[in-house]
Amino acid sequence: MMTVTDYWELIEWQKAVDFADSVYSWTTEIPRDERFELTSQMRRATVSVPSHIAEGQGSGSTGDFARFLRMARGALREPETQVCLSKRLGGPQ
């Protein structure tokens, strides 16, 4: 079994960064009247996912790491909800 010494080695962190990158691209297509509020919220929410993973891995405690992973999983629900709302408001499909 490989021991992870840095958070950027974690596949979950890498995928979370990819997800945040794709959300940044996707939000450029949100209608202008919704762009500031919804885009800002979506971007913050997606950035929090890899941030929680990194913070948890850096804590040095298995219990803390598990708690931060749960927070990252919960944080994923925010952009899911925001994408749904954006689509209802005429945003990108």
PDB file of N, CA and C in Angstrom:
ATOM      1  N   MET A   1       0.844  -1.184   0.000  1.00  0.00           N
ATOM      2  CA  MET A   1       0.000   0.000   0.000  1.00  0.00           C
ATOM      3  C   MET A   1       0.888   1.246   0.000  1.00  0.00           C
ATOM      4  N   MET A   2       0.536   2.193  -0.848  1.00  0.00           N
ATOM      5  CA  MET A   2       1.301   3.436  -0.946  1.00  0.00           C
ATOM      6  C   MET A   2       0.865   4.411   0.144  1.00  0.00           C
ATOM      7  N   THR A   3       1.814   5.032   0.788  1.00  0.00           N
ATOM      8  CA  THR A   3       1.512   6.036   1.789  1.00  0.00           C
ATOM      9  C   THR A   3       1.505   7.405   1.126  1.00  0.00           C
ATOM     10  N   VAL A   4       0.422   8.141   1.325  1.00  0.00           N
ATOM     11  CA  VAL A   4       0.306   9.482   0.762  1.00  0.00           C
ATOM     12  C   VAL A   4       0.961  10.459   1.720  1.00  0.00           C
ATOM     13  N   THR A   5       1.907  11.216   1.219  1.00  0.00           N
ATOM     14  CA  THR A   5       2.584  12.188   2.072  1.00  0.00           C
ATOM     15  C   THR A   5       2.123  13.612   1.799  1.00  0.00           C
ATOM     16  N   ASP A   6       1.551  13.857   0.635  1.00  0.00           N
ATOM     17  CA  ASP A   6       1.077  15.192   0.280  1.00  0.00           C
ATOM     18  C   ASP A   6      -0.308  15.094  -0.348  1.00  0.00           C
ATOM     19  N   TYR A   7      -1.149  16.062  -0.049  1.00  0.00           N
ATOM     20  CA  TYR A   7      -2.527  16.023  -0.512  1.00  0.00           C
ATOM     21  C   TYR A   7      -2.650  15.972  -2.029  1.00  0.00           C
ATOM     22  N   TRP A   8      -1.712  16.565  -2.760  1.00  0.00           N
ATOM     23  CA  TRP A   8      -1.850  16.591  -4.219  1.00  0.00           C
ATOM     24  C   TRP A   8      -1.630  15.216  -4.841  1.00  0.00           C
ATOM     25  N   GLU A   9      -1.177  14.254  -4.044  1.00  0.00           N
ATOM     26  CA  GLU A   9      -1.066  12.882  -4.520  1.00  0.00           C
ATOM     27  C   GLU A   9      -2.407  12.151  -4.482  1.00  0.00           C
ATOM     28  N   LEU A  10      -3.359  12.672  -3.747  1.00  0.00           N
ATOM     29  CA  LEU A  10      -4.663  12.032  -3.601  1.00  0.00           C
ATOM     30  C   LEU A  10      -5.492  12.195  -4.881  1.00  0.00           C
ATOM     31  N   ILE A  11      -5.960  11.079  -5.415  1.00  0.00           N
ATOM     32  CA  ILE A  11      -6.783  11.124  -6.628  1.00  0.00           C
ATOM     33  C   ILE A  11      -8.045  11.942  -6.369  1.00  0.00           C
ATOM     34  N   GLU A  12      -8.610  11.841  -5.180  1.00  0.00           N
ATOM     35  CA  GLU A  12      -9.818  12.599  -4.848  1.00  0.00           C
ATOM     36  C   GLU A  12      -9.557  14.096  -4.928  1.00  0.00           C
ATOM     37  N   TRP A  13      -8.407  14.528  -4.429  1.00  0.00           N
ATOM     38  CA  TRP A  13      -8.058  15.946  -4.487  1.00  0.00           C
ATOM     39  C   TRP A  13      -7.886  16.380  -5.941  1.00  0.00           C
ATOM     40  N   GLN A  14      -7.196  15.557  -6.747  1.00  0.00           N
ATOM     41  CA  GLN A  14      -6.983  15.868  -8.156  1.00  0.00           C
ATOM     42  C   GLN A  14      -8.311  15.999  -8.899  1.00  0.00           C
ATOM     43  N   LYS A  15      -9.240  15.084  -8.634  1.00  0.00           N
ATOM     44  CA  LYS A  15     -10.552  15.140  -9.283  1.00  0.00           C
ATOM     45  C   LYS A  15     -11.350  16.357  -8.806  1.00  0.00           C
ATOM     46  N   ALA A  16     -11.204  16.702  -7.549  1.00  0.00           N
ATOM     47  CA  ALA A  16     -11.899  17.879  -7.023  1.00  0.00           C
ATOM     48  C   ALA A  16     -11.373  19.160  -7.671  1.00  0.00           C
ATOM     49  N   VAL A  17     -10.075  19.226  -7.906  1.00  0.00           N
ATOM     50  CA  VAL A  17      -9.493  20.391  -8.600  1.00  0.00           C
ATOM     51  C   VAL A  17      -9.987  20.429 -10.040  1.00  0.00           C
ATOM     52  N   ASP A  18     -10.037  19.271 -10.702  1.00  0.00           N
ATOM     53  CA  ASP A  18     -10.576  19.209 -12.067  1.00  0.00           C
ATOM     54  C   ASP A  18     -12.028  19.681 -12.096  1.00  0.00           C
ATOM     55  N   PHE A  19     -12.801  19.251 -11.100  1.00  0.00           N
ATOM     56  CA  PHE A  19     -14.209  19.661 -11.013  1.00  0.00           C
ATOM     57  C   PHE A  19     -14.316  21.173 -10.848  1.00  0.00           C
ATOM     58  N   ALA A  20     -13.520  21.741  -9.957  1.00  0.00           N
ATOM     59  CA  ALA A  20     -13.548  23.196  -9.757  1.00  0.00           C
ATOM     60  C   ALA A  20     -13.162  23.913 -11.043  1.00  0.00           C
ATOM     61  N   ASP A  21     -12.166  23.404 -11.739  1.00  0.00           N
ATOM     62  CA  ASP A  21     -11.747  23.995 -13.010  1.00  0.00           C
ATOM     63  C   ASP A  21     -12.885  23.963 -14.024  1.00  0.00           C
ATOM     64  N   SER A  22     -13.594  22.850 -14.112  1.00  0.00           N
ATOM     65  CA  SER A  22     -14.699  22.754 -15.074  1.00  0.00           C
ATOM     66  C   SER A  22     -15.855  23.664 -14.680  1.00  0.00           C
ATOM     67  N   VAL A  23     -16.094  23.826 -13.384  1.00  0.00           N
ATOM     68  CA  VAL A  23     -17.157  24.742 -12.943  1.00  0.00           C
ATOM     69  C   VAL A  23     -16.788  26.179 -13.287  1.00  0.00           C
ATOM     70  N   TYR A  24     -15.526  26.542 -13.114  1.00  0.00           N
ATOM     71  CA  TYR A  24     -15.093  27.887 -13.505  1.00  0.00           C
ATOM     72  C   TYR A  24     -15.389  28.126 -14.980  1.00  0.00           C
ATOM     73  N   SER A  25     -15.099  27.152 -15.830  1.00  0.00           N
ATOM     74  CA  SER A  25     -15.377  27.293 -17.265  1.00  0.00           C
ATOM     75  C   SER A  25     -16.877  27.348 -17.531  1.00  0.00           C
ATOM     76  N   TRP A  26     -17.611  26.456 -16.900  1.00  0.00           N
ATOM     77  CA  TRP A  26     -19.059  26.358 -17.115  1.00  0.00           C
ATOM     78  C   TRP A  26     -19.770  27.647 -16.702  1.00  0.00           C
ATOM     79  N   THR A  27     -19.317  28.268 -15.619  1.00  0.00           N
ATOM     80  CA  THR A  27     -20.004  29.456 -15.110  1.00  0.00           C
ATOM     81  C   THR A  27     -19.845  30.677 -16.007  1.00  0.00           C
ATOM     82  N   THR A  28     -18.919  30.639 -16.935  1.00  0.00           N
ATOM     83  CA  THR A  28     -18.800  31.775 -17.865  1.00  0.00           C
ATOM     84  C   THR A  28     -20.004  31.851 -18.792  1.00  0.00           C
ATOM     85  N   GLU A  29     -20.795  30.769 -18.853  1.00  0.00           N
ATOM     86  CA  GLU A  29     -21.962  30.724 -19.722  1.00  0.00           C
ATOM     87  C   GLU A  29     -23.269  31.064 -18.999  1.00  0.00           C
ATOM     88  N   ILE A  30     -23.190  31.370 -17.731  1.00  0.00           N
ATOM     89  CA  ILE A  30     -24.394  31.737 -16.976  1.00  0.00           C
ATOM     90  C   ILE A  30     -24.861  33.109 -17.458  1.00  0.00           C
ATOM     91  N   PRO A  31     -26.186  33.299 -17.590  1.00  0.00           N
ATOM     92  CA  PRO A  31     -26.695  34.601 -18.044  1.00  0.00           C
ATOM     93  C   PRO A  31     -26.178  35.747 -17.178  1.00  0.00           C
ATOM     94  N   ARG A  32     -25.966  36.884 -17.819  1.00  0.00           N
ATOM     95  CA  ARG A  32     -25.388  38.051 -17.149  1.00  0.00           C
ATOM     96  C   ARG A  32     -26.111  38.441 -15.866  1.00  0.00           C
ATOM     97  N   ASP A  33     -27.437  38.405 -15.865  1.00  0.00           N
ATOM     98  CA  ASP A  33     -28.172  38.849 -14.680  1.00  0.00           C
ATOM     99  C   ASP A  33     -27.971  37.928 -13.487  1.00  0.00           C
ATOM    100  N   GLU A  34     -27.517  36.712 -13.709  1.00  0.00           N
ATOM    101  CA  GLU A  34     -27.250  35.785 -12.615  1.00  0.00           C
ATOM    102  C   GLU A  34     -25.758  35.558 -12.407  1.00  0.00           C
ATOM    103  N   ARG A  35     -24.950  36.117 -13.264  1.00  0.00           N
ATOM    104  CA  ARG A  35     -23.530  35.774 -13.277  1.00  0.00           C
ATOM    105  C   ARG A  35     -22.826  36.107 -11.967  1.00  0.00           C
ATOM    106  N   PHE A  36     -23.025  37.282 -11.427  1.00  0.00           N
ATOM    107  CA  PHE A  36     -22.243  37.662 -10.255  1.00  0.00           C
ATOM    108  C   PHE A  36     -22.558  36.786  -9.056  1.00  0.00           C
ATOM    109  N   GLU A  37     -23.800  36.760  -8.634  1.00  0.00           N
ATOM    110  CA  GLU A  37     -24.160  36.036  -7.409  1.00  0.00           C
ATOM    111  C   GLU A  37     -23.979  34.535  -7.536  1.00  0.00           C
ATOM    112  N   LEU A  38     -24.605  33.957  -8.537  1.00  0.00           N
ATOM    113  CA  LEU A  38     -24.574  32.503  -8.670  1.00  0.00           C
ATOM    114  C   LEU A  38     -23.177  32.002  -9.029  1.00  0.00           C
ATOM    115  N   THR A  39     -22.506  32.697  -9.915  1.00  0.00           N
ATOM    116  CA  THR A  39     -21.155  32.290 -10.300  1.00  0.00           C
ATOM    117  C   THR A  39     -20.212  32.338  -9.103  1.00  0.00           C
ATOM    118  N   SER A  40     -20.269  33.404  -8.366  1.00  0.00           N
ATOM    119  CA  SER A  40     -19.409  33.552  -7.199  1.00  0.00           C
ATOM    120  C   SER A  40     -19.656  32.429  -6.195  1.00  0.00           C
ATOM    121  N   GLN A  41     -20.911  32.144  -5.925  1.00  0.00           N
ATOM    122  CA  GLN A  41     -21.263  31.100  -4.965  1.00  0.00           C
ATOM    123  C   GLN A  41     -20.803  29.729  -5.453  1.00  0.00           C
ATOM    124  N   MET A  42     -21.026  29.438  -6.728  1.00  0.00           N
ATOM    125  CA  MET A  42     -20.642  28.138  -7.271  1.00  0.00           C
ATOM    126  C   MET A  42     -19.124  27.952  -7.234  1.00  0.00           C
ATOM    127  N   ARG A  43     -18.414  28.997  -7.579  1.00  0.00           N
ATOM    128  CA  ARG A  43     -16.960  28.896  -7.590  1.00  0.00           C
ATOM    129  C   ARG A  43     -16.410  28.700  -6.179  1.00  0.00           C
ATOM    130  N   ARG A  44     -16.944  29.436  -5.227  1.00  0.00           N
ATOM    131  CA  ARG A  44     -16.491  29.267  -3.837  1.00  0.00           C
ATOM    132  C   ARG A  44     -16.783  27.853  -3.342  1.00  0.00           C
ATOM    133  N   ALA A  45     -17.973  27.362  -3.680  1.00  0.00           N
ATOM    134  CA  ALA A  45     -18.368  26.027  -3.227  1.00  0.00           C
ATOM    135  C   ALA A  45     -17.452  24.952  -3.800  1.00  0.00           C
ATOM    136  N   THR A  46     -17.116  25.066  -5.077  1.00  0.00           N
ATOM    137  CA  THR A  46     -16.271  24.026  -5.668  1.00  0.00           C
ATOM    138  C   THR A  46     -14.825  24.124  -5.187  1.00  0.00           C
ATOM    139  N   VAL A  47     -14.361  25.312  -4.920  1.00  0.00           N
ATOM    140  CA  VAL A  47     -12.997  25.466  -4.400  1.00  0.00           C
ATOM    141  C   VAL A  47     -12.900  24.887  -2.990  1.00  0.00           C
ATOM    142  N   SER A  48     -13.997  24.919  -2.251  1.00  0.00           N
ATOM    143  CA  SER A  48     -13.950  24.409  -0.885  1.00  0.00           C
ATOM    144  C   SER A  48     -13.738  22.903  -0.837  1.00  0.00           C
ATOM    145  N   VAL A  49     -14.111  22.188  -1.893  1.00  0.00           N
ATOM    146  CA  VAL A  49     -13.981  20.723  -1.882  1.00  0.00           C
ATOM    147  C   VAL A  49     -12.508  20.295  -1.814  1.00  0.00           C
ATOM    148  N   PRO A  50     -11.667  20.676  -2.790  1.00  0.00           N
ATOM    149  CA  PRO A  50     -10.262  20.265  -2.655  1.00  0.00           C
ATOM    150  C   PRO A  50      -9.575  20.926  -1.462  1.00  0.00           C
ATOM    151  N   SER A  51     -10.056  22.099  -1.067  1.00  0.00           N
ATOM    152  CA  SER A  51      -9.472  22.772   0.097  1.00  0.00           C
ATOM    153  C   SER A  51      -9.695  21.964   1.367  1.00  0.00           C
ATOM    154  N   HIS A  52     -10.902  21.415   1.547  1.00  0.00           N
ATOM    155  CA  HIS A  52     -11.183  20.566   2.710  1.00  0.00           C
ATOM    156  C   HIS A  52     -10.306  19.313   2.687  1.00  0.00           C
ATOM    157  N   ILE A  53     -10.159  18.721   1.509  1.00  0.00           N
ATOM    158  CA  ILE A  53      -9.330  17.516   1.399  1.00  0.00           C
ATOM    159  C   ILE A  53      -7.888  17.830   1.793  1.00  0.00           C
ATOM    160  N   ALA A  54      -7.361  18.924   1.276  1.00  0.00           N
ATOM    161  CA  ALA A  54      -5.982  19.305   1.584  1.00  0.00           C
ATOM    162  C   ALA A  54      -5.813  19.609   3.067  1.00  0.00           C
ATOM    163  N   GLU A  55      -6.752  20.348   3.617  1.00  0.00           N
ATOM    164  CA  GLU A  55      -6.652  20.691   5.036  1.00  0.00           C
ATOM    165  C   GLU A  55      -6.714  19.448   5.913  1.00  0.00           C
ATOM    166  N   GLY A  56      -7.615  18.542   5.573  1.00  0.00           N
ATOM    167  CA  GLY A  56      -7.731  17.312   6.352  1.00  0.00           C
ATOM    168  C   GLY A  56      -6.500  16.447   6.276  1.00  0.00           C
ATOM    169  N   GLN A  57      -5.934  16.319   5.077  1.00  0.00           N
ATOM    170  CA  GLN A  57      -4.734  15.503   4.922  1.00  0.00           C
ATOM    171  C   GLN A  57      -3.570  16.119   5.686  1.00  0.00           C
ATOM    172  N   GLY A  58      -3.534  17.428   5.739  1.00  0.00           N
ATOM    173  CA  GLY A  58      -2.457  18.112   6.440  1.00  0.00           C
ATOM    174  C   GLY A  58      -2.615  18.154   7.945  1.00  0.00           C
ATOM    175  N   SER A  59      -3.757  17.717   8.442  1.00  0.00           N
ATOM    176  CA  SER A  59      -4.001  17.786   9.887  1.00  0.00           C
ATOM    177  C   SER A  59      -3.140  16.803  10.673  1.00  0.00           C
ATOM    178  N   GLY A  60      -2.746  15.721  10.021  1.00  0.00           N
ATOM    179  CA  GLY A  60      -1.919  14.728  10.710  1.00  0.00           C
ATOM    180  C   GLY A  60      -2.703  13.754  11.564  1.00  0.00           C
ATOM    181  N   SER A  61      -4.004  13.917  11.592  1.00  0.00           N
ATOM    182  CA  SER A  61      -4.854  13.054  12.409  1.00  0.00           C
ATOM    183  C   SER A  61      -5.850  12.327  11.506  1.00  0.00           C
ATOM    184  N   THR A  62      -5.930  11.005  11.681  1.00  0.00           N
ATOM    185  CA  THR A  62      -6.870  10.219  10.880  1.00  0.00           C
ATOM    186  C   THR A  62      -8.305  10.669  11.126  1.00  0.00           C
ATOM    187  N   GLY A  63      -8.638  10.946  12.373  1.00  0.00           N
ATOM    188  CA  GLY A  63      -9.988  11.406  12.708  1.00  0.00           C
ATOM    189  C   GLY A  63     -10.314  12.742  12.068  1.00  0.00           C
ATOM    190  N   ASP A  64      -9.372  13.672  12.129  1.00  0.00           N
ATOM    191  CA  ASP A  64      -9.583  14.974  11.491  1.00  0.00           C
ATOM    192  C   ASP A  64      -9.695  14.832   9.978  1.00  0.00           C
ATOM    193  N   PHE A  65      -8.839  13.977   9.403  1.00  0.00           N
ATOM    194  CA  PHE A  65      -8.887  13.763   7.962  1.00  0.00           C
ATOM    195  C   PHE A  65     -10.262  13.242   7.556  1.00  0.00           C
ATOM    196  N   ALA A  66     -10.778  12.274   8.292  1.00  0.00           N
ATOM    197  CA  ALA A  66     -12.107  11.719   8.001  1.00  0.00           C
ATOM    198  C   ALA A  66     -13.179  12.803   8.109  1.00  0.00           C
ATOM    199  N   ARG A  67     -13.063  13.653   9.112  1.00  0.00           N
ATOM    200  CA  ARG A  67     -14.046  14.746   9.284  1.00  0.00           C
ATOM    201  C   ARG A  67     -13.989  15.710   8.104  1.00  0.00           C
ATOM    202  N   PHE A  68     -12.788  16.065   7.662  1.00  0.00           N
ATOM    203  CA  PHE A  68     -12.659  16.974   6.524  1.00  0.00           C
ATOM    204  C   PHE A  68     -13.135  16.333   5.225  1.00  0.00           C
ATOM    205  N   LEU A  69     -12.957  15.024   5.088  1.00  0.00           N
ATOM    206  CA  LEU A  69     -13.485  14.341   3.902  1.00  0.00           C
ATOM    207  C   LEU A  69     -15.004  14.379   3.893  1.00  0.00           C
ATOM    208  N   ARG A  70     -15.620  14.229   5.065  1.00  0.00           N
ATOM    209  CA  ARG A  70     -17.086  14.349   5.138  1.00  0.00           C
ATOM    210  C   ARG A  70     -17.527  15.760   4.784  1.00  0.00           C
ATOM    211  N   MET A  71     -16.763  16.746   5.228  1.00  0.00           N
ATOM    212  CA  MET A  71     -17.091  18.139   4.885  1.00  0.00           C
ATOM    213  C   MET A  71     -16.953  18.359   3.380  1.00  0.00           C
ATOM    214  N   ALA A  72     -15.936  17.780   2.763  1.00  0.00           N
ATOM    215  CA  ALA A  72     -15.748  17.910   1.311  1.00  0.00           C
ATOM    216  C   ALA A  72     -16.918  17.271   0.574  1.00  0.00           C
ATOM    217  N   ARG A  73     -17.336  16.094   1.037  1.00  0.00           N
ATOM    218  CA  ARG A  73     -18.480  15.421   0.404  1.00  0.00           C
ATOM    219  C   ARG A  73     -19.736  16.266   0.538  1.00  0.00           C
ATOM    220  N   GLY A  74     -19.942  16.847   1.692  1.00  0.00           N
ATOM    221  CA  GLY A  74     -21.097  17.722   1.892  1.00  0.00           C
ATOM    222  C   GLY A  74     -21.014  18.968   1.030  1.00  0.00           C
ATOM    223  N   ALA A  75     -19.800  19.496   0.877  1.00  0.00           N
ATOM    224  CA  ALA A  75     -19.617  20.704   0.071  1.00  0.00           C
ATOM    225  C   ALA A  75     -19.956  20.455  -1.389  1.00  0.00           C
ATOM    226  N   LEU A  76     -19.860  19.215  -1.851  1.00  0.00           N
ATOM    227  CA  LEU A  76     -20.224  18.891  -3.238  1.00  0.00           C
ATOM    228  C   LEU A  76     -21.709  19.113  -3.497  1.00  0.00           C
ATOM    229  N   ARG A  77     -22.517  19.044  -2.462  1.00  0.00           N
ATOM    230  CA  ARG A  77     -23.966  19.211  -2.635  1.00  0.00           C
ATOM    231  C   ARG A  77     -24.329  20.647  -3.018  1.00  0.00           C
ATOM    232  N   GLU A  78     -23.502  21.591  -2.595  1.00  0.00           N
ATOM    233  CA  GLU A  78     -23.769  22.998  -2.936  1.00  0.00           C
ATOM    234  C   GLU A  78     -23.740  23.230  -4.436  1.00  0.00           C
ATOM    235  N   PRO A  79     -22.638  22.921  -5.134  1.00  0.00           N
ATOM    236  CA  PRO A  79     -22.646  23.185  -6.578  1.00  0.00           C
ATOM    237  C   PRO A  79     -23.660  22.332  -7.337  1.00  0.00           C
ATOM    238  N   GLU A  80     -23.959  21.125  -6.849  1.00  0.00           N
ATOM    239  CA  GLU A  80     -25.005  20.327  -7.494  1.00  0.00           C
ATOM    240  C   GLU A  80     -26.322  21.087  -7.480  1.00  0.00           C
ATOM    241  N   THR A  81     -26.664  21.638  -6.332  1.00  0.00           N
ATOM    242  CA  THR A  81     -27.896  22.406  -6.185  1.00  0.00           C
ATOM    243  C   THR A  81     -27.856  23.665  -7.034  1.00  0.00           C
ATOM    244  N   GLN A  82     -26.712  24.327  -7.052  1.00  0.00           N
ATOM    245  CA  GLN A  82     -26.580  25.573  -7.804  1.00  0.00           C
ATOM    246  C   GLN A  82     -26.646  25.343  -9.310  1.00  0.00           C
ATOM    247  N   VAL A  83     -26.104  24.227  -9.793  1.00  0.00           N
ATOM    248  CA  VAL A  83     -26.219  23.894 -11.220  1.00  0.00           C
ATOM    249  C   VAL A  83     -27.682  23.679 -11.573  1.00  0.00           C
ATOM    250  N   CYS A  84     -28.396  22.963 -10.733  1.00  0.00           N
ATOM    251  CA  CYS A  84     -29.825  22.732 -10.958  1.00  0.00           C
ATOM    252  C   CYS A  84     -30.571  24.061 -11.041  1.00  0.00           C
ATOM    253  N   LEU A  85     -30.304  24.953 -10.118  1.00  0.00           N
ATOM    254  CA  LEU A  85     -30.957  26.261 -10.102  1.00  0.00           C
ATOM    255  C   LEU A  85     -30.582  27.065 -11.339  1.00  0.00           C
ATOM    256  N   SER A  86     -29.321  27.042 -11.694  1.00  0.00           N
ATOM    257  CA  SER A  86     -28.859  27.788 -12.874  1.00  0.00           C
ATOM    258  C   SER A  86     -29.585  27.320 -14.127  1.00  0.00           C
ATOM    259  N   LYS A  87     -29.738  26.018 -14.276  1.00  0.00           N
ATOM    260  CA  LYS A  87     -30.458  25.477 -15.443  1.00  0.00           C
ATOM    261  C   LYS A  87     -31.899  25.955 -15.458  1.00  0.00           C
ATOM    262  N   ARG A  88     -32.538  25.980 -14.300  1.00  0.00           N
ATOM    263  CA  ARG A  88     -33.915  26.473 -14.224  1.00  0.00           C
ATOM    264  C   ARG A  88     -34.024  27.948 -14.604  1.00  0.00           C
ATOM    265  N   LEU A  89     -32.946  28.692 -14.344  1.00  0.00           N
ATOM    266  CA  LEU A  89     -32.947  30.123 -14.643  1.00  0.00           C
ATOM    267  C   LEU A  89     -32.480  30.414 -16.076  1.00  0.00           C
ATOM    268  N   GLY A  90     -32.306  29.367 -16.863  1.00  0.00           N
ATOM    269  CA  GLY A  90     -31.907  29.565 -18.245  1.00  0.00           C
ATOM    270  C   GLY A  90     -30.426  29.516 -18.488  1.00  0.00           C
ATOM    271  N   GLY A  91     -29.678  29.018 -17.526  1.00  0.00           N
ATOM    272  CA  GLY A  91     -28.224  28.922 -17.668  1.00  0.00           C
ATOM    273  C   GLY A  91     -27.827  27.804 -18.599  1.00  0.00           C
ATOM    274  N   PRO A  92     -26.549  27.554 -18.712  1.00  0.00           N
ATOM    275  CA  PRO A  92     -26.057  26.528 -19.631  1.00  0.00           C
ATOM    276  C   PRO A  92     -26.584  25.148 -19.276  1.00  0.00           C
ATOM    277  N   GLN A  93     -26.814  24.378 -20.286  1.00  0.00           N
ATOM    278  CA  GLN A  93     -27.316  23.019 -20.093  1.00  0.00           C
ATOM    279  C   GLN A  93     -26.145  22.105 -20.137  1.00  0.00           C
TER     280      GLN A  93
END
